[in-house]
Amino acid sequence: MSNAPKTLIAEERIRLDLLLVQTWPDLGRAALRDMVQQGHVRINGALALKTGQYVEPGDSVEVELLLLDEQAPRELAPDSLEVVYVDESIVVVDKPAGMVTHVGRRKSEQVLATLLGQIYPDMAHIGGVERAGILQHLDPECSGLVLAARTEESYRILKREVTRQRVVGQYMTLVEGRLTGSGEIEAPIGNLKHEREQLGVSREGRVACTHYRPVHHYRNEGRHYTLLEVEPESARLHQVRVHFAWYGYPVVGDKIYGSPRQPEWATRLYLHLSGLTFQHPVTGNVLQPDSPLPADIYGVLHFMARRKRG
């Protein structure tokens, strides 16, 4: 990729990051963010503000391309992690799909705790060895917001808040089927005797409740899908995935609880932690950081919506 400026003309209302990814498929999220933050992208002559902003039909997008071809694309560097909020007490980051949260049985170079410890060395062992103050367990296949404490005192306070279910996560997920009307799923979740690696709805399980609201319906190749806003009232492992699979609307791309026949575009789990609500451990202020749908999910939804209109 050369550093010569290139001008794109938007043909429809579309998110900036998706427009750029459609033009340069190898462009990573961190590279997109850097290009915008460093002033290399302009919309109608004005500097772009963020990768998630929309451009309208006819808008001119001028891009000063960076020399990215020679960079190794797969190994995540500390500066590739998107920091959504940070102060002296806490940090909220946007974890990409495919990254594990802590060092464990799964061998991976993409470990969130390791990257956080590299970015903020003073928090590498907050909450335990190589824990990096992380307060949530987000499935490796799931993307979205992760809250971590930068001091032991903040970790202690926030850990208590997590236990009391006062750190609330809001998810966006795409499920199979046409689900209409808001509602909630109340079903206990526990281990399945015949499946060591799976959880499921079980009488011996722990109480779990998941609230949901349909946002949009899609149809593609004769199959129906529903985009949902989801808020688990409890925080059980795999709760959203287990509940909707049991309810008959499995999460798209779920290799454990989902349908055996997945669409070819379901290359990841369609589950994203898009919002957090919690009280700051020092100031007491209520914080609500958010994260837009990543470009890979948004791009598929945009494609299906266009086909429906067509």
C-alpha atoms as a PDB file:
ATOM      1  CA  MET A   1       0.000   0.000   0.000  1.00  0.00           C
ATOM      2  CA  SER A   2       1.535   3.321  -1.025  1.00  0.00           C
ATOM      3  CA  ASN A   3       1.248   6.639   0.772  1.00  0.00           C
ATOM      4  CA  ALA A   4      -0.445   8.418  -2.149  1.00  0.00           C
ATOM      5  CA  PRO A   5      -3.785  10.075  -1.273  1.00  0.00           C
ATOM      6  CA  LYS A   6      -6.884   8.346  -2.609  1.00  0.00           C
ATOM      7  CA  THR A   7     -10.426   9.713  -2.791  1.00  0.00           C
ATOM      8  CA  LEU A   8     -13.520   7.548  -2.326  1.00  0.00           C
ATOM      9  CA  ILE A   9     -17.097   8.627  -3.051  1.00  0.00           C
ATOM     10  CA  ALA A  10     -19.719   7.044  -0.807  1.00  0.00           C
ATOM     11  CA  GLU A  11     -22.584   5.501  -2.791  1.00  0.00           C
ATOM     12  CA  GLU A  12     -24.806   4.983   0.255  1.00  0.00           C
ATOM     13  CA  ARG A  13     -25.017   5.713   3.975  1.00  0.00           C
ATOM     14  CA  ILE A  14     -22.329   3.537   5.479  1.00  0.00           C
ATOM     15  CA  ARG A  15     -19.953   3.454   8.437  1.00  0.00           C
ATOM     16  CA  LEU A  16     -16.514   4.846   7.684  1.00  0.00           C
ATOM     17  CA  ASP A  17     -14.629   1.769   8.886  1.00  0.00           C
ATOM     18  CA  LEU A  18     -16.708  -0.533   6.681  1.00  0.00           C
ATOM     19  CA  LEU A  19     -16.164   1.670   3.625  1.00  0.00           C
ATOM     20  CA  LEU A  20     -12.411   1.536   4.193  1.00  0.00           C
ATOM     21  CA  VAL A  21     -12.378  -2.221   4.859  1.00  0.00           C
ATOM     22  CA  GLN A  22     -14.384  -2.844   1.677  1.00  0.00           C
ATOM     23  CA  THR A  23     -11.746  -0.928  -0.267  1.00  0.00           C
ATOM     24  CA  TRP A  24      -8.723  -2.414   1.546  1.00  0.00           C
ATOM     25  CA  PRO A  25      -9.742  -5.808   3.045  1.00  0.00           C
ATOM     26  CA  ASP A  26      -6.361  -6.323   4.750  1.00  0.00           C
ATOM     27  CA  LEU A  27      -6.670  -3.131   6.773  1.00  0.00           C
ATOM     28  CA  GLY A  28      -6.881  -4.008  10.475  1.00  0.00           C
ATOM     29  CA  ARG A  29      -8.907  -2.238  13.158  1.00  0.00           C
ATOM     30  CA  ALA A  30      -5.832  -0.770  14.828  1.00  0.00           C
ATOM     31  CA  ALA A  31      -4.544   0.580  11.508  1.00  0.00           C
ATOM     32  CA  LEU A  32      -7.934   2.181  10.819  1.00  0.00           C
ATOM     33  CA  ARG A  33      -7.956   3.825  14.226  1.00  0.00           C
ATOM     34  CA  ASP A  34      -4.412   5.113  13.801  1.00  0.00           C
ATOM     35  CA  MET A  35      -5.166   6.569  10.364  1.00  0.00           C
ATOM     36  CA  VAL A  36      -8.133   8.497  11.741  1.00  0.00           C
ATOM     37  CA  GLN A  37      -6.440   9.633  14.970  1.00  0.00           C
ATOM     38  CA  GLN A  38      -3.349  10.789  13.092  1.00  0.00           C
ATOM     39  CA  GLY A  39      -5.404  12.894  10.674  1.00  0.00           C
ATOM     40  CA  HIS A  40      -4.986  10.759   7.559  1.00  0.00           C
ATOM     41  CA  VAL A  41      -8.725  10.558   6.753  1.00  0.00           C
ATOM     42  CA  ARG A  42     -10.944  13.471   5.728  1.00  0.00           C
ATOM     43  CA  ILE A  43     -14.657  13.575   4.958  1.00  0.00           C
ATOM     44  CA  ASN A  44     -15.662  16.413   2.649  1.00  0.00           C
ATOM     45  CA  GLY A  45     -12.413  18.149   3.579  1.00  0.00           C
ATOM     46  CA  ALA A  46     -12.906  17.882   7.357  1.00  0.00           C
ATOM     47  CA  LEU A  47     -10.880  15.525   9.523  1.00  0.00           C
ATOM     48  CA  ALA A  48     -12.730  12.303  10.359  1.00  0.00           C
ATOM     49  CA  LEU A  49     -13.546  12.106  14.072  1.00  0.00           C
ATOM     50  CA  LYS A  50     -13.799   8.351  14.626  1.00  0.00           C
ATOM     51  CA  THR A  51     -13.886   5.115  12.647  1.00  0.00           C
ATOM     52  CA  GLY A  52     -17.505   4.405  13.595  1.00  0.00           C
ATOM     53  CA  GLN A  53     -18.980   7.613  12.186  1.00  0.00           C
ATOM     54  CA  TYR A  54     -21.261   7.463   9.144  1.00  0.00           C
ATOM     55  CA  VAL A  55     -20.731   8.912   5.704  1.00  0.00           C
ATOM     56  CA  GLU A  56     -23.677   9.853   3.512  1.00  0.00           C
ATOM     57  CA  PRO A  57     -24.276   9.227  -0.220  1.00  0.00           C
ATOM     58  CA  GLY A  58     -22.060  11.535  -2.252  1.00  0.00           C
ATOM     59  CA  ASP A  59     -19.625  12.259   0.583  1.00  0.00           C
ATOM     60  CA  SER A  60     -15.993  12.509  -0.459  1.00  0.00           C
ATOM     61  CA  VAL A  61     -13.581  10.496   1.695  1.00  0.00           C
ATOM     62  CA  GLU A  62      -9.917  11.348   1.194  1.00  0.00           C
ATOM     63  CA  VAL A  63      -7.430   8.861   2.597  1.00  0.00           C
ATOM     64  CA  GLU A  64      -3.684   9.321   2.954  1.00  0.00           C
ATOM     65  CA  LEU A  65      -2.583   5.713   2.799  1.00  0.00           C
ATOM     66  CA  LEU A  66       0.059   4.424   5.179  1.00  0.00           C
ATOM     67  CA  LEU A  67       2.845   1.980   4.368  1.00  0.00           C
ATOM     68  CA  LEU A  68       1.266  -1.113   5.885  1.00  0.00           C
ATOM     69  CA  ASP A  69       2.225  -3.916   3.509  1.00  0.00           C
ATOM     70  CA  GLU A  70       5.522  -4.721   5.193  1.00  0.00           C
ATOM     71  CA  GLN A  71       4.081  -4.938   8.698  1.00  0.00           C
ATOM     72  CA  ALA A  72       3.403  -8.342  10.256  1.00  0.00           C
ATOM     73  CA  PRO A  73      -0.395  -8.436  10.501  1.00  0.00           C
ATOM     74  CA  ARG A  74      -1.160 -11.333  12.837  1.00  0.00           C
ATOM     75  CA  GLU A  75       0.761 -10.747  16.052  1.00  0.00           C
ATOM     76  CA  LEU A  76      -0.994  -8.187  18.202  1.00  0.00           C
ATOM     77  CA  ALA A  77       1.179  -5.421  19.620  1.00  0.00           C
ATOM     78  CA  PRO A  78       0.206  -3.467  22.757  1.00  0.00           C
ATOM     79  CA  ASP A  79      -0.738  -0.412  20.702  1.00  0.00           C
ATOM     80  CA  SER A  80      -3.190  -2.513  18.684  1.00  0.00           C
ATOM     81  CA  LEU A  81      -5.517  -2.762  21.693  1.00  0.00           C
ATOM     82  CA  GLU A  82      -8.211  -0.092  21.631  1.00  0.00           C
ATOM     83  CA  VAL A  83      -8.491   1.744  24.951  1.00  0.00           C
ATOM     84  CA  VAL A  84     -12.019   3.122  25.358  1.00  0.00           C
ATOM     85  CA  TYR A  85     -11.543   4.771  28.762  1.00  0.00           C
ATOM     86  CA  VAL A  86      -8.608   5.110  31.135  1.00  0.00           C
ATOM     87  CA  ASP A  87      -7.692   7.017  34.291  1.00  0.00           C
ATOM     88  CA  GLU A  88      -5.471   6.343  37.311  1.00  0.00           C
ATOM     89  CA  SER A  89      -7.898   3.788  38.769  1.00  0.00           C
ATOM     90  CA  ILE A  90      -9.431   1.828  35.883  1.00  0.00           C
ATOM     91  CA  VAL A  91      -9.170   1.059  32.194  1.00  0.00           C
ATOM     92  CA  VAL A  92     -11.820  -0.142  29.729  1.00  0.00           C
ATOM     93  CA  VAL A  93     -10.608  -1.780  26.532  1.00  0.00           C
ATOM     94  CA  ASP A  94     -12.298  -3.165  23.425  1.00  0.00           C
ATOM     95  CA  LYS A  95     -11.295  -6.826  23.090  1.00  0.00           C
ATOM     96  CA  PRO A  96     -11.315  -8.250  19.561  1.00  0.00           C
ATOM     97  CA  ALA A  97     -12.838 -11.655  18.846  1.00  0.00           C
ATOM     98  CA  GLY A  98     -10.312 -14.479  19.048  1.00  0.00           C
ATOM     99  CA  MET A  99      -8.358 -13.062  21.987  1.00  0.00           C
ATOM    100  CA  VAL A 100      -8.364 -14.969  25.282  1.00  0.00           C
ATOM    101  CA  THR A 101      -8.726 -12.965  28.486  1.00  0.00           C
ATOM    102  CA  HIS A 102      -6.174 -14.713  30.715  1.00  0.00           C
ATOM    103  CA  VAL A 103      -3.262 -17.087  30.309  1.00  0.00           C
ATOM    104  CA  GLY A 104      -4.653 -20.604  30.700  1.00  0.00           C
ATOM    105  CA  ARG A 105      -5.001 -23.938  28.997  1.00  0.00           C
ATOM    106  CA  ARG A 106      -5.477 -22.405  25.559  1.00  0.00           C
ATOM    107  CA  LYS A 107      -2.165 -21.579  23.883  1.00  0.00           C
ATOM    108  CA  SER A 108      -2.379 -18.192  22.217  1.00  0.00           C
ATOM    109  CA  GLU A 109      -0.192 -15.153  21.688  1.00  0.00           C
ATOM    110  CA  GLN A 110      -3.315 -13.014  21.844  1.00  0.00           C
ATOM    111  CA  VAL A 111      -3.849 -12.766  25.608  1.00  0.00           C
ATOM    112  CA  LEU A 112      -5.587  -9.661  26.896  1.00  0.00           C
ATOM    113  CA  ALA A 113      -3.988  -9.786  30.360  1.00  0.00           C
ATOM    114  CA  THR A 114      -0.531  -9.957  28.791  1.00  0.00           C
ATOM    115  CA  LEU A 115      -1.168  -6.977  26.526  1.00  0.00           C
ATOM    116  CA  LEU A 116      -2.593  -4.917  29.389  1.00  0.00           C
ATOM    117  CA  GLY A 117       0.472  -5.728  31.476  1.00  0.00           C
ATOM    118  CA  GLN A 118       2.689  -4.494  28.653  1.00  0.00           C
ATOM    119  CA  ILE A 119       0.738  -1.264  28.243  1.00  0.00           C
ATOM    120  CA  TYR A 120       0.402  -0.601  31.998  1.00  0.00           C
ATOM    121  CA  PRO A 121       3.228  -2.510  33.766  1.00  0.00           C
ATOM    122  CA  ASP A 122       2.033  -1.399  37.222  1.00  0.00           C
ATOM    123  CA  MET A 123      -1.198  -3.388  36.821  1.00  0.00           C
ATOM    124  CA  ALA A 124       0.282  -6.644  35.471  1.00  0.00           C
ATOM    125  CA  HIS A 125      -0.362  -8.533  38.725  1.00  0.00           C
ATOM    126  CA  ILE A 126      -3.358  -6.620  40.106  1.00  0.00           C
ATOM    127  CA  GLY A 127      -5.879  -9.193  41.344  1.00  0.00           C
ATOM    128  CA  GLY A 128      -3.370 -12.040  41.059  1.00  0.00           C
ATOM    129  CA  VAL A 129      -0.400 -13.206  39.000  1.00  0.00           C
ATOM    130  CA  GLU A 130      -0.857 -12.172  35.357  1.00  0.00           C
ATOM    131  CA  ARG A 131      -4.457 -11.105  36.045  1.00  0.00           C
ATOM    132  CA  ALA A 132      -3.877  -7.464  35.033  1.00  0.00           C
ATOM    133  CA  GLY A 133      -6.849  -6.362  37.132  1.00  0.00           C
ATOM    134  CA  ILE A 134      -9.405  -7.842  34.714  1.00  0.00           C
ATOM    135  CA  LEU A 135     -12.848  -8.082  36.304  1.00  0.00           C
ATOM    136  CA  GLN A 136     -14.851  -9.974  33.669  1.00  0.00           C
ATOM    137  CA  HIS A 137     -14.624 -13.205  31.774  1.00  0.00           C
ATOM    138  CA  LEU A 138     -15.378 -12.551  28.124  1.00  0.00           C
ATOM    139  CA  ASP A 139     -15.408 -15.638  25.912  1.00  0.00           C
ATOM    140  CA  PRO A 140     -12.457 -15.740  23.486  1.00  0.00           C
ATOM    141  CA  GLU A 141     -14.878 -15.862  20.554  1.00  0.00           C
ATOM    142  CA  CYS A 142     -16.770 -12.810  21.847  1.00  0.00           C
ATOM    143  CA  SER A 143     -15.684  -9.221  21.199  1.00  0.00           C
ATOM    144  CA  GLY A 144     -16.370  -6.115  23.225  1.00  0.00           C
ATOM    145  CA  LEU A 145     -15.697  -4.138  26.379  1.00  0.00           C
ATOM    146  CA  VAL A 146     -13.579  -5.420  29.244  1.00  0.00           C
ATOM    147  CA  LEU A 147     -13.156  -3.558  32.543  1.00  0.00           C
ATOM    148  CA  ALA A 148      -9.896  -3.774  34.491  1.00  0.00           C
ATOM    149  CA  ALA A 149      -8.645  -2.130  37.689  1.00  0.00           C
ATOM    150  CA  ARG A 150      -5.293  -0.346  37.850  1.00  0.00           C
ATOM    151  CA  THR A 151      -4.910  -0.503  41.638  1.00  0.00           C
ATOM    152  CA  GLU A 152      -5.558  -3.210  44.225  1.00  0.00           C
ATOM    153  CA  GLU A 153      -8.064  -0.972  46.017  1.00  0.00           C
ATOM    154  CA  SER A 154     -10.040  -0.363  42.820  1.00  0.00           C
ATOM    155  CA  TYR A 155      -9.928  -4.086  42.090  1.00  0.00           C
ATOM    156  CA  ARG A 156     -11.300  -4.919  45.545  1.00  0.00           C
ATOM    157  CA  ILE A 157     -14.162  -2.423  45.205  1.00  0.00           C
ATOM    158  CA  LEU A 158     -15.096  -3.408  41.661  1.00  0.00           C
ATOM    159  CA  LYS A 159     -14.825  -7.133  42.391  1.00  0.00           C
ATOM    160  CA  ARG A 160     -17.415  -6.630  45.111  1.00  0.00           C
ATOM    161  CA  GLU A 161     -19.618  -4.714  42.659  1.00  0.00           C
ATOM    162  CA  VAL A 162     -19.318  -7.543  40.125  1.00  0.00           C
ATOM    163  CA  THR A 163     -20.318 -10.075  42.794  1.00  0.00           C
ATOM    164  CA  ARG A 164     -23.349  -7.941  43.659  1.00  0.00           C
ATOM    165  CA  GLN A 165     -24.239  -7.734  39.941  1.00  0.00           C
ATOM    166  CA  ARG A 166     -23.796  -3.960  39.863  1.00  0.00           C
ATOM    167  CA  VAL A 167     -21.489  -4.045  36.853  1.00  0.00           C
ATOM    168  CA  VAL A 168     -23.999  -4.459  34.044  1.00  0.00           C
ATOM    169  CA  GLY A 169     -23.126  -5.514  30.516  1.00  0.00           C
ATOM    170  CA  GLN A 170     -25.209  -4.884  27.419  1.00  0.00           C
ATOM    171  CA  TYR A 171     -24.667  -7.146  24.412  1.00  0.00           C
ATOM    172  CA  MET A 172     -25.567  -7.103  20.743  1.00  0.00           C
ATOM    173  CA  THR A 173     -26.061 -10.531  19.209  1.00  0.00           C
ATOM    174  CA  LEU A 174     -27.387 -12.043  16.000  1.00  0.00           C
ATOM    175  CA  VAL A 175     -29.494 -15.155  16.527  1.00  0.00           C
ATOM    176  CA  GLU A 176     -31.028 -17.631  14.133  1.00  0.00           C
ATOM    177  CA  GLY A 177     -34.769 -17.330  13.539  1.00  0.00           C
ATOM    178  CA  ARG A 178     -37.296 -14.524  13.665  1.00  0.00           C
ATOM    179  CA  LEU A 179     -37.763 -13.488  17.288  1.00  0.00           C
ATOM    180  CA  THR A 180     -40.482 -10.891  17.879  1.00  0.00           C
ATOM    181  CA  GLY A 181     -41.265  -8.879  20.986  1.00  0.00           C
ATOM    182  CA  SER A 182     -39.118  -8.052  23.980  1.00  0.00           C
ATOM    183  CA  GLY A 183     -38.893 -10.547  26.791  1.00  0.00           C
ATOM    184  CA  GLU A 184     -36.715 -12.413  29.220  1.00  0.00           C
ATOM    185  CA  ILE A 185     -35.390 -15.925  29.579  1.00  0.00           C
ATOM    186  CA  GLU A 186     -35.324 -17.316  33.115  1.00  0.00           C
ATOM    187  CA  ALA A 187     -33.640 -20.696  33.297  1.00  0.00           C
ATOM    188  CA  PRO A 188     -30.923 -22.048  35.632  1.00  0.00           C
ATOM    189  CA  ILE A 189     -27.545 -22.787  34.049  1.00  0.00           C
ATOM    190  CA  GLY A 190     -25.244 -25.579  35.144  1.00  0.00           C
ATOM    191  CA  ASN A 191     -22.933 -28.349  33.995  1.00  0.00           C
ATOM    192  CA  LEU A 192     -24.295 -31.117  31.805  1.00  0.00           C
ATOM    193  CA  LYS A 193     -23.437 -34.595  33.042  1.00  0.00           C
ATOM    194  CA  HIS A 194     -22.898 -35.984  29.539  1.00  0.00           C
ATOM    195  CA  GLU A 195     -20.918 -32.988  28.214  1.00  0.00           C
ATOM    196  CA  ARG A 196     -17.721 -31.989  30.030  1.00  0.00           C
ATOM    197  CA  GLU A 197     -17.056 -28.875  27.939  1.00  0.00           C
ATOM    198  CA  GLN A 198     -20.623 -27.579  27.749  1.00  0.00           C
ATOM    199  CA  LEU A 199     -23.051 -25.843  30.042  1.00  0.00           C
ATOM    200  CA  GLY A 200     -26.799 -26.010  29.712  1.00  0.00           C
ATOM    201  CA  VAL A 201     -30.156 -25.354  31.314  1.00  0.00           C
ATOM    202  CA  SER A 202     -30.308 -27.644  34.325  1.00  0.00           C
ATOM    203  CA  ARG A 203     -32.486 -27.989  37.417  1.00  0.00           C
ATOM    204  CA  GLU A 204     -29.299 -28.213  39.472  1.00  0.00           C
ATOM    205  CA  GLY A 205     -27.899 -25.072  37.866  1.00  0.00           C
ATOM    206  CA  ARG A 206     -27.582 -21.529  39.168  1.00  0.00           C
ATOM    207  CA  VAL A 207     -30.356 -18.973  38.687  1.00  0.00           C
ATOM    208  CA  ALA A 208     -29.925 -16.941  35.493  1.00  0.00           C
ATOM    209  CA  CYS A 209     -32.080 -14.337  33.758  1.00  0.00           C
ATOM    210  CA  THR A 210     -31.492 -12.706  30.369  1.00  0.00           C
ATOM    211  CA  HIS A 211     -33.486  -9.736  29.052  1.00  0.00           C
ATOM    212  CA  TYR A 212     -33.687  -9.140  25.306  1.00  0.00           C
ATOM    213  CA  ARG A 213     -35.127  -6.718  22.760  1.00  0.00           C
ATOM    214  CA  PRO A 214     -35.284  -7.301  18.985  1.00  0.00           C
ATOM    215  CA  VAL A 215     -33.596  -4.534  16.977  1.00  0.00           C
ATOM    216  CA  HIS A 216     -33.861  -5.747  13.382  1.00  0.00           C
ATOM    217  CA  HIS A 217     -34.874  -8.789  11.372  1.00  0.00           C
ATOM    218  CA  TYR A 218     -32.944 -10.132   8.391  1.00  0.00           C
ATOM    219  CA  ARG A 219     -33.481 -12.806   5.777  1.00  0.00           C
ATOM    220  CA  ASN A 220     -30.720 -14.380   3.746  1.00  0.00           C
ATOM    221  CA  GLU A 221     -30.877 -17.430   1.480  1.00  0.00           C
ATOM    222  CA  GLY A 222     -34.247 -18.415   2.919  1.00  0.00           C
ATOM    223  CA  ARG A 223     -33.146 -18.248   6.561  1.00  0.00           C
ATOM    224  CA  HIS A 224     -34.277 -15.699   9.151  1.00  0.00           C
ATOM    225  CA  TYR A 225     -32.054 -13.889  11.647  1.00  0.00           C
ATOM    226  CA  THR A 226     -32.725 -11.389  14.447  1.00  0.00           C
ATOM    227  CA  LEU A 227     -30.376  -8.749  15.832  1.00  0.00           C
ATOM    228  CA  LEU A 228     -30.968  -8.407  19.576  1.00  0.00           C
ATOM    229  CA  GLU A 229     -30.018  -6.092  22.401  1.00  0.00           C
ATOM    230  CA  VAL A 230     -29.367  -8.370  25.360  1.00  0.00           C
ATOM    231  CA  GLU A 231     -28.792  -7.663  29.048  1.00  0.00           C
ATOM    232  CA  PRO A 232     -27.986 -10.597  31.335  1.00  0.00           C
ATOM    233  CA  GLU A 233     -29.255  -9.975  34.855  1.00  0.00           C
ATOM    234  CA  SER A 234     -26.755 -12.479  36.190  1.00  0.00           C
ATOM    235  CA  ALA A 235     -23.295 -13.217  34.812  1.00  0.00           C
ATOM    236  CA  ARG A 236     -23.088 -16.965  34.307  1.00  0.00           C
ATOM    237  CA  LEU A 237     -20.473 -18.457  32.021  1.00  0.00           C
ATOM    238  CA  HIS A 238     -21.818 -18.682  28.435  1.00  0.00           C
ATOM    239  CA  GLN A 239     -25.160 -17.330  29.691  1.00  0.00           C
ATOM    240  CA  VAL A 240     -26.323 -15.577  26.512  1.00  0.00           C
ATOM    241  CA  ARG A 241     -25.226 -18.472  24.319  1.00  0.00           C
ATOM    242  CA  VAL A 242     -26.818 -21.154  26.500  1.00  0.00           C
ATOM    243  CA  HIS A 243     -30.096 -19.296  27.019  1.00  0.00           C
ATOM    244  CA  PHE A 244     -30.773 -18.528  23.377  1.00  0.00           C
ATOM    245  CA  ALA A 245     -29.759 -22.002  22.216  1.00  0.00           C
ATOM    246  CA  TRP A 246     -32.168 -23.496  24.759  1.00  0.00           C
ATOM    247  CA  TYR A 247     -34.857 -21.008  23.694  1.00  0.00           C
ATOM    248  CA  GLY A 248     -34.547 -22.158  20.077  1.00  0.00           C
ATOM    249  CA  TYR A 249     -32.696 -19.121  18.711  1.00  0.00           C
ATOM    250  CA  PRO A 250     -28.979 -20.001  18.860  1.00  0.00           C
ATOM    251  CA  VAL A 251     -26.335 -17.325  18.398  1.00  0.00           C
ATOM    252  CA  VAL A 252     -24.957 -17.280  14.863  1.00  0.00           C
ATOM    253  CA  GLY A 253     -21.428 -18.654  14.616  1.00  0.00           C
ATOM    254  CA  ASP A 254     -21.589 -20.530  17.930  1.00  0.00           C
ATOM    255  CA  LYS A 255     -19.498 -23.687  17.473  1.00  0.00           C
ATOM    256  CA  ILE A 256     -20.503 -25.116  20.857  1.00  0.00           C
ATOM    257  CA  TYR A 257     -24.209 -24.389  21.252  1.00  0.00           C
ATOM    258  CA  GLY A 258     -25.205 -23.314  17.739  1.00  0.00           C
ATOM    259  CA  SER A 259     -26.601 -25.080  14.715  1.00  0.00           C
ATOM    260  CA  PRO A 260     -24.315 -27.576  12.955  1.00  0.00           C
ATOM    261  CA  ARG A 261     -25.142 -25.931   9.626  1.00  0.00           C
ATOM    262  CA  GLN A 262     -23.828 -22.380   9.762  1.00  0.00           C
ATOM    263  CA  PRO A 263     -23.947 -19.824   6.919  1.00  0.00           C
ATOM    264  CA  GLU A 264     -20.618 -19.424   5.124  1.00  0.00           C
ATOM    265  CA  TRP A 265     -20.276 -15.838   6.393  1.00  0.00           C
ATOM    266  CA  ALA A 266     -20.468 -16.951  10.045  1.00  0.00           C
ATOM    267  CA  THR A 267     -16.708 -17.005  10.533  1.00  0.00           C
ATOM    268  CA  ARG A 268     -16.952 -15.803  14.145  1.00  0.00           C
ATOM    269  CA  LEU A 269     -19.336 -15.750  17.104  1.00  0.00           C
ATOM    270  CA  TYR A 270     -21.926 -13.015  16.515  1.00  0.00           C
ATOM    271  CA  LEU A 271     -21.849 -11.742  20.087  1.00  0.00           C
ATOM    272  CA  HIS A 272     -20.445  -8.353  21.086  1.00  0.00           C
ATOM    273  CA  LEU A 273     -20.392  -6.686  24.509  1.00  0.00           C
ATOM    274  CA  SER A 274     -21.386  -3.219  23.369  1.00  0.00           C
ATOM    275  CA  GLY A 275     -21.944  -1.407  26.664  1.00  0.00           C
ATOM    276  CA  LEU A 276     -21.030  -1.389  30.346  1.00  0.00           C
ATOM    277  CA  THR A 277     -22.688   0.432  33.227  1.00  0.00           C
ATOM    278  CA  PHE A 278     -20.878   0.693  36.559  1.00  0.00           C
ATOM    279  CA  GLN A 279     -19.940   3.076  39.348  1.00  0.00           C
ATOM    280  CA  HIS A 280     -16.401   4.432  39.371  1.00  0.00           C
ATOM    281  CA  PRO A 281     -14.539   2.935  42.371  1.00  0.00           C
ATOM    282  CA  VAL A 282     -13.066   6.289  43.439  1.00  0.00           C
ATOM    283  CA  THR A 283     -15.345   9.111  42.281  1.00  0.00           C
ATOM    284  CA  GLY A 284     -18.625   7.235  42.546  1.00  0.00           C
ATOM    285  CA  ASN A 285     -19.715   8.576  39.151  1.00  0.00           C
ATOM    286  CA  VAL A 286     -21.743   6.242  36.937  1.00  0.00           C
ATOM    287  CA  LEU A 287     -19.799   5.402  33.778  1.00  0.00           C
ATOM    288  CA  GLN A 288     -21.332   3.979  30.602  1.00  0.00           C
ATOM    289  CA  PRO A 289     -18.617   3.289  28.017  1.00  0.00           C
ATOM    290  CA  ASP A 290     -19.820   1.816  24.744  1.00  0.00           C
ATOM    291  CA  SER A 291     -18.465   0.054  21.684  1.00  0.00           C
ATOM    292  CA  PRO A 292     -20.036  -0.064  18.202  1.00  0.00           C
ATOM    293  CA  LEU A 293     -20.444  -3.343  16.375  1.00  0.00           C
ATOM    294  CA  PRO A 294     -17.107  -4.371  14.868  1.00  0.00           C
ATOM    295  CA  ALA A 295     -16.774  -4.007  11.110  1.00  0.00           C
ATOM    296  CA  ASP A 296     -16.954  -7.751  10.401  1.00  0.00           C
ATOM    297  CA  ILE A 297     -20.391  -8.097  12.038  1.00  0.00           C
ATOM    298  CA  TYR A 298     -21.676  -4.739  10.815  1.00  0.00           C
ATOM    299  CA  GLY A 299     -20.568  -5.549   7.275  1.00  0.00           C
ATOM    300  CA  VAL A 300     -22.636  -8.746   7.136  1.00  0.00           C
ATOM    301  CA  LEU A 301     -25.714  -7.015   8.566  1.00  0.00           C
ATOM    302  CA  HIS A 302     -25.289  -4.173   6.084  1.00  0.00           C
ATOM    303  CA  PHE A 303     -25.044  -6.682   3.221  1.00  0.00           C
ATOM    304  CA  MET A 304     -28.212  -8.545   4.296  1.00  0.00           C
ATOM    305  CA  ALA A 305     -30.129  -5.291   4.737  1.00  0.00           C
ATOM    306  CA  ARG A 306     -29.149  -4.184   1.219  1.00  0.00           C
ATOM    307  CA  ARG A 307     -30.272  -7.504  -0.272  1.00  0.00           C
ATOM    308  CA  LYS A 308     -33.613  -7.169   1.494  1.00  0.00           C
ATOM    309  CA  ARG A 309     -34.122  -3.693   0.032  1.00  0.00           C
ATOM    310  CA  GLY A 310     -33.114  -4.937  -3.388  1.00  0.00           C
END
